[in-house]
N, C-alpha and C. Protein backbone atom coordinates (compact mmCIF):
# COMPACT_ATOMS: atom_id res chain seq x y z
N UNK A 1 -9.39 2.33 15.19
CA UNK A 1 -8.35 2.63 14.21
C UNK A 1 -7.20 1.61 14.40
N UNK A 2 -6.74 1.12 13.03
CA UNK A 2 -5.81 0.14 13.12
C UNK A 2 -4.68 0.45 12.18
N UNK A 3 -3.39 0.09 12.29
CA UNK A 3 -2.22 0.44 11.53
C UNK A 3 -1.68 -0.96 10.92
N UNK A 4 -1.67 -1.13 9.54
CA UNK A 4 -0.99 -2.36 9.07
C UNK A 4 0.06 -1.97 8.17
N UNK A 5 1.05 -2.76 7.94
CA UNK A 5 2.23 -2.73 7.07
C UNK A 5 2.01 -3.72 6.15
N UNK A 6 2.03 -3.42 4.74
CA UNK A 6 1.81 -4.45 3.64
C UNK A 6 2.95 -4.33 2.64
N UNK A 7 3.44 -5.68 2.50
CA UNK A 7 4.58 -5.82 1.40
C UNK A 7 3.88 -6.46 0.36
N UNK A 8 3.95 -5.94 -0.89
CA UNK A 8 3.23 -6.49 -2.09
C UNK A 8 4.65 -6.93 -3.06
N UNK A 9 4.73 -8.22 -3.35
CA UNK A 9 5.89 -8.62 -4.36
C UNK A 9 5.13 -9.19 -5.66
N UNK A 10 5.92 -9.18 -6.69
CA UNK A 10 5.55 -9.59 -7.92
C UNK A 10 5.93 -8.51 -8.95
N UNK A 11 5.10 -8.42 -10.22
CA UNK A 11 5.29 -7.27 -11.18
C UNK A 11 4.47 -6.16 -10.55
N UNK A 12 5.16 -5.40 -9.72
CA UNK A 12 4.35 -4.27 -9.11
C UNK A 12 5.02 -2.95 -9.07
N UNK A 13 6.14 -2.95 -9.82
CA UNK A 13 6.66 -1.46 -10.08
C UNK A 13 6.72 -1.33 -11.48
N UNK A 14 6.30 -0.08 -11.97
CA UNK A 14 6.19 0.28 -13.54
C UNK A 14 5.04 0.05 -13.91
N UNK A 15 3.93 -0.40 -13.09
CA UNK A 15 2.58 -0.53 -13.66
C UNK A 15 1.55 0.13 -12.91
N UNK A 16 2.03 1.35 -12.43
CA UNK A 16 1.02 2.30 -11.94
C UNK A 16 0.35 1.95 -10.58
N UNK A 17 1.27 0.86 -9.76
CA UNK A 17 0.67 0.28 -8.55
C UNK A 17 0.51 1.43 -7.50
N UNK A 18 1.68 2.19 -7.46
CA UNK A 18 1.40 3.34 -6.15
C UNK A 18 0.34 4.31 -6.51
N UNK A 19 0.34 4.85 -7.83
CA UNK A 19 -0.85 5.71 -8.11
C UNK A 19 -2.14 5.07 -7.86
N UNK A 20 -2.35 3.93 -8.32
CA UNK A 20 -3.58 3.13 -8.11
C UNK A 20 -3.84 2.92 -6.69
N UNK A 21 -2.81 2.63 -6.03
CA UNK A 21 -3.01 2.29 -4.44
C UNK A 21 -3.42 3.64 -3.82
N UNK A 22 -3.04 4.67 -4.25
CA UNK A 22 -3.31 6.05 -3.52
C UNK A 22 -4.88 6.36 -3.96
N UNK A 23 -5.16 6.20 -5.16
CA UNK A 23 -6.60 6.29 -5.64
C UNK A 23 -7.57 5.51 -4.85
N UNK A 24 -7.17 4.39 -4.64
CA UNK A 24 -8.22 3.37 -3.86
C UNK A 24 -8.14 3.76 -2.37
N UNK A 25 -6.96 4.22 -1.73
CA UNK A 25 -6.85 4.47 -0.46
C UNK A 25 -7.57 5.79 -0.26
N UNK A 26 -7.60 6.48 -1.15
CA UNK A 26 -8.28 8.03 -1.12
C UNK A 26 -9.92 7.73 -1.14
N UNK A 27 -10.23 6.80 -1.78
CA UNK A 27 -11.70 6.61 -1.99
C UNK A 27 -12.16 5.82 -0.77
N UNK A 28 -11.35 5.03 -0.16
CA UNK A 28 -11.72 4.50 1.03
C UNK A 28 -11.46 5.22 2.20
N UNK A 29 -10.88 6.35 2.23
CA UNK A 29 -10.47 7.27 3.36
C UNK A 29 -9.44 6.48 4.22
N UNK A 30 -8.54 5.78 3.67
CA UNK A 30 -7.31 5.21 4.41
C UNK A 30 -6.17 6.34 4.31
N UNK A 31 -5.43 6.44 5.54
CA UNK A 31 -4.34 7.21 5.55
C UNK A 31 -3.16 6.54 5.61
N UNK A 32 -1.99 7.13 4.99
CA UNK A 32 -0.70 6.25 5.16
C UNK A 32 0.16 6.61 3.87
N UNK A 33 0.93 5.94 3.46
CA UNK A 33 1.63 5.99 2.28
C UNK A 33 1.92 4.76 1.53
N UNK A 34 2.68 4.72 0.30
CA UNK A 34 2.94 3.56 -0.63
C UNK A 34 4.33 4.18 -1.25
N UNK A 35 5.32 3.01 -1.23
CA UNK A 35 6.58 3.41 -1.95
C UNK A 35 7.16 2.25 -2.34
N UNK A 36 7.91 2.39 -3.55
CA UNK A 36 8.78 1.31 -4.00
C UNK A 36 9.82 0.91 -3.43
N UNK A 37 10.24 -0.15 -3.19
CA UNK A 37 11.17 -0.77 -2.49
C UNK A 37 12.44 -1.01 -3.47
N UNK A 38 13.58 -1.13 -3.01
CA UNK A 38 14.84 -1.41 -3.91
C UNK A 38 14.87 -2.83 -4.28
N UNK A 39 14.14 -3.78 -3.59
CA UNK A 39 14.06 -5.20 -4.06
C UNK A 39 13.02 -5.51 -5.00
N UNK A 40 12.19 -4.51 -5.58
CA UNK A 40 11.06 -4.53 -6.62
C UNK A 40 9.81 -4.73 -6.08
N UNK A 41 9.78 -4.80 -4.59
CA UNK A 41 8.40 -4.93 -4.00
C UNK A 41 7.80 -3.44 -3.82
N UNK A 42 6.59 -3.43 -3.41
CA UNK A 42 5.85 -2.19 -3.10
C UNK A 42 5.69 -2.41 -1.58
N UNK A 43 5.94 -1.24 -0.66
CA UNK A 43 5.65 -1.14 0.76
C UNK A 43 4.46 -0.07 0.97
N UNK A 44 3.40 -0.57 1.87
CA UNK A 44 2.36 0.15 2.12
C UNK A 44 2.27 0.30 3.83
N UNK A 45 1.95 1.46 4.11
CA UNK A 45 1.50 1.71 5.65
C UNK A 45 0.16 2.18 5.43
N UNK A 46 -0.95 1.64 6.09
CA UNK A 46 -2.31 2.21 6.03
C UNK A 46 -2.95 2.01 7.32
N UNK A 47 -3.58 3.12 7.67
CA UNK A 47 -4.47 3.13 8.84
C UNK A 47 -5.83 3.49 8.62
N UNK A 48 -6.72 2.87 9.12
CA UNK A 48 -8.27 2.95 8.97
C UNK A 48 -8.87 1.96 10.03
N UNK A 49 -10.27 1.80 9.96
CA UNK A 49 -10.85 0.77 10.73
C UNK A 49 -10.75 -0.56 10.02
N UNK A 50 -10.69 -1.43 10.97
CA UNK A 50 -10.56 -2.96 10.33
C UNK A 50 -11.38 -3.18 9.22
N UNK A 51 -12.66 -2.96 9.09
CA UNK A 51 -13.62 -3.39 8.27
C UNK A 51 -13.22 -2.63 6.83
N UNK A 52 -12.51 -1.53 6.85
CA UNK A 52 -12.25 -0.78 5.68
C UNK A 52 -10.91 -1.34 5.28
N UNK A 53 -9.83 -1.72 6.09
CA UNK A 53 -8.70 -2.31 5.68
C UNK A 53 -8.78 -3.57 5.16
N UNK A 54 -9.70 -4.45 5.47
CA UNK A 54 -9.69 -5.80 4.85
C UNK A 54 -9.89 -5.78 3.33
N UNK A 55 -11.10 -5.00 2.76
CA UNK A 55 -11.19 -4.91 1.42
C UNK A 55 -10.04 -4.33 0.69
N UNK A 56 -9.43 -3.36 1.47
CA UNK A 56 -7.95 -2.66 0.97
C UNK A 56 -6.86 -3.82 0.62
N UNK A 57 -6.84 -4.53 1.63
CA UNK A 57 -5.80 -5.76 1.55
C UNK A 57 -6.02 -6.61 0.26
N UNK A 58 -7.41 -6.92 0.27
CA UNK A 58 -7.98 -7.81 -1.08
C UNK A 58 -7.52 -6.99 -2.15
N UNK A 59 -7.73 -5.71 -2.37
CA UNK A 59 -7.28 -5.03 -3.63
C UNK A 59 -5.81 -5.31 -3.88
N UNK A 60 -5.12 -5.16 -2.88
CA UNK A 60 -3.56 -5.15 -2.94
C UNK A 60 -3.15 -6.65 -3.52
N UNK A 61 -4.06 -7.58 -3.37
CA UNK A 61 -3.69 -8.89 -3.81
C UNK A 61 -3.86 -8.99 -5.37
N UNK A 62 -4.76 -8.20 -5.71
CA UNK A 62 -4.96 -7.87 -7.18
C UNK A 62 -4.20 -6.95 -7.89
N UNK A 63 -4.27 -5.64 -7.31
CA UNK A 63 -3.45 -4.47 -7.91
C UNK A 63 -4.11 -3.95 -9.15
N UNK A 64 -3.48 -3.09 -9.73
CA UNK A 64 -4.02 -2.46 -10.95
C UNK A 64 -3.98 -3.56 -12.10
N UNK A 65 -4.51 -3.32 -13.30
CA UNK A 65 -4.57 -4.15 -14.44
C UNK A 65 -3.18 -4.68 -14.83
N UNK A 66 -2.31 -3.89 -14.87
CA UNK A 66 -0.96 -4.54 -15.71
C UNK A 66 -0.06 -5.03 -14.64
N UNK A 67 -0.37 -5.08 -13.26
CA UNK A 67 0.37 -5.71 -12.25
C UNK A 67 0.28 -7.33 -12.22
N UNK A 68 1.22 -8.01 -11.63
CA UNK A 68 0.92 -9.38 -11.40
C UNK A 68 1.59 -9.62 -10.02
N UNK A 69 0.46 -9.67 -9.03
CA UNK A 69 1.03 -9.79 -7.58
C UNK A 69 1.12 -11.19 -7.27
N UNK A 70 2.53 -11.60 -6.76
CA UNK A 70 2.83 -12.92 -6.34
C UNK A 70 2.36 -13.16 -4.82
N UNK A 71 2.59 -12.30 -3.88
CA UNK A 71 2.40 -12.29 -2.47
C UNK A 71 2.12 -11.09 -1.89
N UNK A 72 1.45 -11.03 -0.83
CA UNK A 72 1.05 -9.92 0.03
C UNK A 72 1.15 -10.30 1.49
N UNK A 73 2.13 -9.73 2.03
CA UNK A 73 2.31 -10.04 3.54
C UNK A 73 1.74 -8.75 4.29
N UNK A 74 1.15 -9.10 5.34
CA UNK A 74 0.40 -8.13 6.23
C UNK A 74 0.88 -8.04 7.50
N UNK A 75 1.41 -7.19 8.20
CA UNK A 75 1.57 -7.33 9.67
C UNK A 75 1.20 -6.03 10.37
N UNK A 76 0.56 -6.04 11.61
CA UNK A 76 0.07 -4.91 12.40
C UNK A 76 1.41 -4.01 12.80
N UNK A 77 1.05 -2.80 12.86
CA UNK A 77 2.04 -1.86 13.40
C UNK A 77 1.40 -0.74 14.36
N UNK A 78 2.40 -0.05 14.77
CA UNK A 78 1.85 1.06 15.79
C UNK A 78 1.32 2.15 15.10
N UNK A 79 0.15 2.67 15.51
CA UNK A 79 -0.64 3.73 14.88
C UNK A 79 0.17 5.14 14.96
N UNK A 80 0.33 5.61 13.66
CA UNK A 80 1.23 6.78 13.51
C UNK A 80 0.17 8.17 13.10
N UNK A 81 -1.03 7.93 13.11
CA UNK A 81 -2.05 9.14 12.87
C UNK A 81 -1.69 9.72 11.70
N UNK A 82 -1.58 9.21 10.41
CA UNK A 82 -1.19 9.93 9.25
C UNK A 82 -2.41 10.93 8.98
N UNK A 83 -2.09 12.00 8.41
CA UNK A 83 -3.06 13.00 7.92
C UNK A 83 -3.64 12.70 6.52
N UNK A 84 -3.00 11.98 5.81
CA UNK A 84 -3.56 11.63 4.42
C UNK A 84 -2.79 10.47 3.91
N UNK A 85 -3.00 10.00 2.59
CA UNK A 85 -2.40 9.17 1.92
C UNK A 85 -1.44 9.57 0.95
N UNK A 86 -0.14 9.28 0.89
CA UNK A 86 0.97 9.99 -0.08
C UNK A 86 1.55 8.74 -0.78
N UNK A 87 2.05 9.07 -2.00
CA UNK A 87 2.87 8.33 -2.80
C UNK A 87 4.25 8.96 -2.46
N UNK A 88 5.29 8.00 -1.93
CA UNK A 88 6.60 8.32 -1.76
C UNK A 88 7.37 8.01 -2.90
N UNK A 89 7.96 9.14 -3.47
CA UNK A 89 8.41 9.12 -4.85
C UNK A 89 9.84 8.57 -4.75
N UNK A 90 10.70 8.75 -4.02
CA UNK A 90 12.04 8.32 -3.96
C UNK A 90 12.47 8.06 -2.62
N UNK A 91 13.18 6.84 -2.40
CA UNK A 91 13.69 6.58 -0.97
C UNK A 91 15.24 7.20 -0.93
N UNK A 92 15.44 8.16 -0.10
CA UNK A 92 16.56 8.78 -0.11
C UNK A 92 17.92 8.10 0.37
N UNK A 93 17.58 6.86 0.80
CA UNK A 93 18.54 5.82 1.38
C UNK A 93 19.30 5.10 0.10
N UNK A 94 18.75 5.11 -1.11
CA UNK A 94 19.35 4.30 -2.07
C UNK A 94 20.51 5.05 -2.56
């Protein structure tokens, strides 16, 4: 099991990126969350086996139909053992 943090930049808010990410993650059995960031990017934390995370990151580079992804940054993180994959609706710190 592996944990990765993903930052997706470009036209990725207001194009159903979070909902599409959840649908893809659920299909692939990935646990974690996705949320919009104040800077216009989308932030994802994902946990699964390496062979599952690789095609997920590839999907993030494309995104849903109306998105326009400029960049995807991936870093490894500490395993958090998420129970499911969630869309975080609001950042309470904003």
